[in-house]
């Protein structure tokens, strides 16, 4: 009988990876990189990345993109070369929570940046980025 492969139990929710990187980020701009996700020891395969944006009112079709950049101990990828994930924001004035549920994590230190394509500048405060890493198990 074949062994079933399942998701592993995710890690606890991380502390926020950003301090002020997303504050007042202009439309069409990319944030500075976050603190590192150290995946050198855990070697998790994936992460759910949670982006919390302070109250904004995006334009119709407004979105954000999440970019994952890697530092392998010697080299860091250019921000434009990292893996990119995008999500459309819900309309209306409110706090926005975007979950990128299946972000691939290489076994290195990883850094995140956010590209604002919402149509408006981000709020001056209350924005955070968190993660929960996980993998597969039998």
Protein backbone atom coordinates (compact mmCIF):
# COMPACT_ATOMS: atom_id res chain seq x y z
CA UNK A 1 0.00 0.00 0.00
CA UNK A 2 1.29 3.42 -0.92
CA UNK A 3 2.17 5.86 1.83
CA UNK A 4 0.11 9.05 1.80
CA UNK A 5 2.01 12.32 1.62
CA UNK A 6 0.50 15.07 3.75
CA UNK A 7 1.29 18.64 4.73
CA UNK A 8 3.50 18.97 7.78
CA UNK A 9 2.40 21.04 10.75
CA UNK A 10 3.26 24.69 10.04
CA UNK A 11 5.59 26.64 12.28
CA UNK A 12 4.13 29.22 14.63
CA UNK A 13 3.33 32.62 13.17
CA UNK A 14 6.53 34.64 12.92
CA UNK A 15 7.12 38.07 14.31
CA UNK A 16 6.61 40.79 11.72
CA UNK A 17 9.37 40.82 9.10
CA UNK A 18 8.96 44.55 8.45
CA UNK A 19 9.16 47.66 10.59
CA UNK A 20 8.58 50.70 8.38
CA UNK A 21 9.28 49.27 4.90
CA UNK A 22 5.60 49.43 3.84
CA UNK A 23 4.66 52.72 5.55
CA UNK A 24 3.36 55.23 2.97
CA UNK A 25 4.75 53.12 0.09
CA UNK A 26 3.72 54.90 -3.10
CA UNK A 27 1.69 53.31 -5.86
CA UNK A 28 4.03 51.65 -8.38
CA UNK A 29 6.85 51.42 -5.81
CA UNK A 30 8.67 48.43 -4.36
CA UNK A 31 9.51 48.28 -0.67
CA UNK A 32 12.92 47.75 0.84
CA UNK A 33 13.55 44.10 1.73
CA UNK A 34 12.29 42.55 4.95
CA UNK A 35 14.20 40.89 7.74
CA UNK A 36 15.42 37.42 6.77
CA UNK A 37 13.44 34.21 6.78
CA UNK A 38 16.27 31.90 7.86
CA UNK A 39 15.54 28.62 6.11
CA UNK A 40 19.10 27.26 6.36
CA UNK A 41 18.38 24.92 9.27
CA UNK A 42 14.66 24.17 8.93
CA UNK A 43 14.82 23.60 5.17
CA UNK A 44 11.06 24.04 4.86
CA UNK A 45 9.66 23.69 1.36
CA UNK A 46 6.97 26.34 1.54
CA UNK A 47 5.60 29.24 3.52
CA UNK A 48 2.29 30.99 3.84
CA UNK A 49 3.14 34.71 3.71
CA UNK A 50 0.61 37.03 5.33
CA UNK A 51 0.66 40.69 4.31
CA UNK A 52 -1.39 43.07 6.46
CA UNK A 53 -1.94 46.55 5.06
CA UNK A 54 -3.26 49.40 7.17
CA UNK A 55 -6.60 50.79 5.98
CA UNK A 56 -6.49 51.78 2.31
CA UNK A 57 -9.02 52.16 -0.50
CA UNK A 58 -7.47 50.57 -3.59
CA UNK A 59 -8.63 51.44 -7.07
CA UNK A 60 -10.58 48.83 -9.06
CA UNK A 61 -8.27 45.95 -9.87
CA UNK A 62 -5.60 47.22 -7.46
CA UNK A 63 -3.09 44.59 -6.41
CA UNK A 64 0.13 43.87 -4.60
CA UNK A 65 3.01 41.65 -5.58
CA UNK A 66 5.25 39.78 -3.19
CA UNK A 67 8.83 39.17 -4.28
CA UNK A 68 11.08 36.56 -2.64
CA UNK A 69 14.82 37.16 -2.90
CA UNK A 70 17.54 34.70 -1.86
CA UNK A 71 20.90 35.08 -0.16
CA UNK A 72 22.94 31.88 -0.49
CA UNK A 73 25.80 32.96 1.79
CA UNK A 74 27.72 34.65 -1.02
CA UNK A 75 25.27 36.21 -3.45
CA UNK A 76 21.92 37.98 -3.18
CA UNK A 77 19.48 37.96 -6.09
CA UNK A 78 18.52 41.30 -7.55
CA UNK A 79 15.04 42.25 -6.38
CA UNK A 80 13.69 42.04 -9.92
CA UNK A 81 14.99 38.46 -10.28
CA UNK A 82 13.19 36.95 -7.29
CA UNK A 83 10.10 34.72 -7.40
CA UNK A 84 6.99 36.91 -7.67
CA UNK A 85 3.47 36.25 -6.39
CA UNK A 86 0.53 38.62 -7.02
CA UNK A 87 -2.91 39.15 -5.48
CA UNK A 88 -5.79 41.49 -6.25
CA UNK A 89 -7.00 43.56 -3.29
CA UNK A 90 -10.62 43.73 -2.21
CA UNK A 91 -12.37 47.02 -2.94
CA UNK A 92 -13.49 49.38 -0.19
CA UNK A 93 -11.84 51.27 2.62
CA UNK A 94 -10.53 48.82 5.19
CA UNK A 95 -7.55 47.01 6.58
CA UNK A 96 -6.40 44.51 3.96
CA UNK A 97 -5.07 41.03 4.74
CA UNK A 98 -3.54 39.09 1.85
CA UNK A 99 -2.40 35.50 2.30
CA UNK A 100 0.00 33.98 -0.22
CA UNK A 101 -0.52 30.33 0.81
CA UNK A 102 2.12 28.49 -1.22
CA UNK A 103 5.38 30.45 -1.48
CA UNK A 104 8.34 28.27 -2.40
CA UNK A 105 11.28 28.54 0.06
CA UNK A 106 14.80 27.59 -1.00
CA UNK A 107 17.19 26.37 1.74
CA UNK A 108 18.84 29.77 2.20
CA UNK A 109 18.11 33.09 3.88
CA UNK A 110 15.12 34.62 2.09
CA UNK A 111 14.04 38.25 2.00
CA UNK A 112 10.69 39.66 0.92
CA UNK A 113 9.70 42.90 -0.75
CA UNK A 114 6.23 44.14 -1.65
CA UNK A 115 5.28 45.98 -4.83
CA UNK A 116 2.34 48.37 -4.45
CA UNK A 117 0.03 48.32 -7.48
CA UNK A 118 -3.06 49.27 -5.45
CA UNK A 119 -3.60 52.61 -7.18
CA UNK A 120 -2.98 54.53 -3.93
CA UNK A 121 -0.17 54.93 -1.41
CA UNK A 122 -0.17 52.52 1.52
CA UNK A 123 -1.22 53.74 4.96
CA UNK A 124 1.46 55.50 7.01
CA UNK A 125 1.33 52.75 9.66
CA UNK A 126 -0.17 49.38 10.65
CA UNK A 127 1.36 47.28 7.86
CA UNK A 128 3.06 43.98 8.65
CA UNK A 129 4.37 40.83 6.95
CA UNK A 130 4.36 37.44 8.72
CA UNK A 131 5.03 33.86 7.68
CA UNK A 132 4.36 30.26 8.67
CA UNK A 133 6.73 27.70 7.12
CA UNK A 134 5.74 24.12 6.34
CA UNK A 135 6.62 21.13 4.20
CA UNK A 136 5.44 17.63 3.41
CA UNK A 137 5.50 14.45 5.47
CA UNK A 138 4.41 10.85 5.20
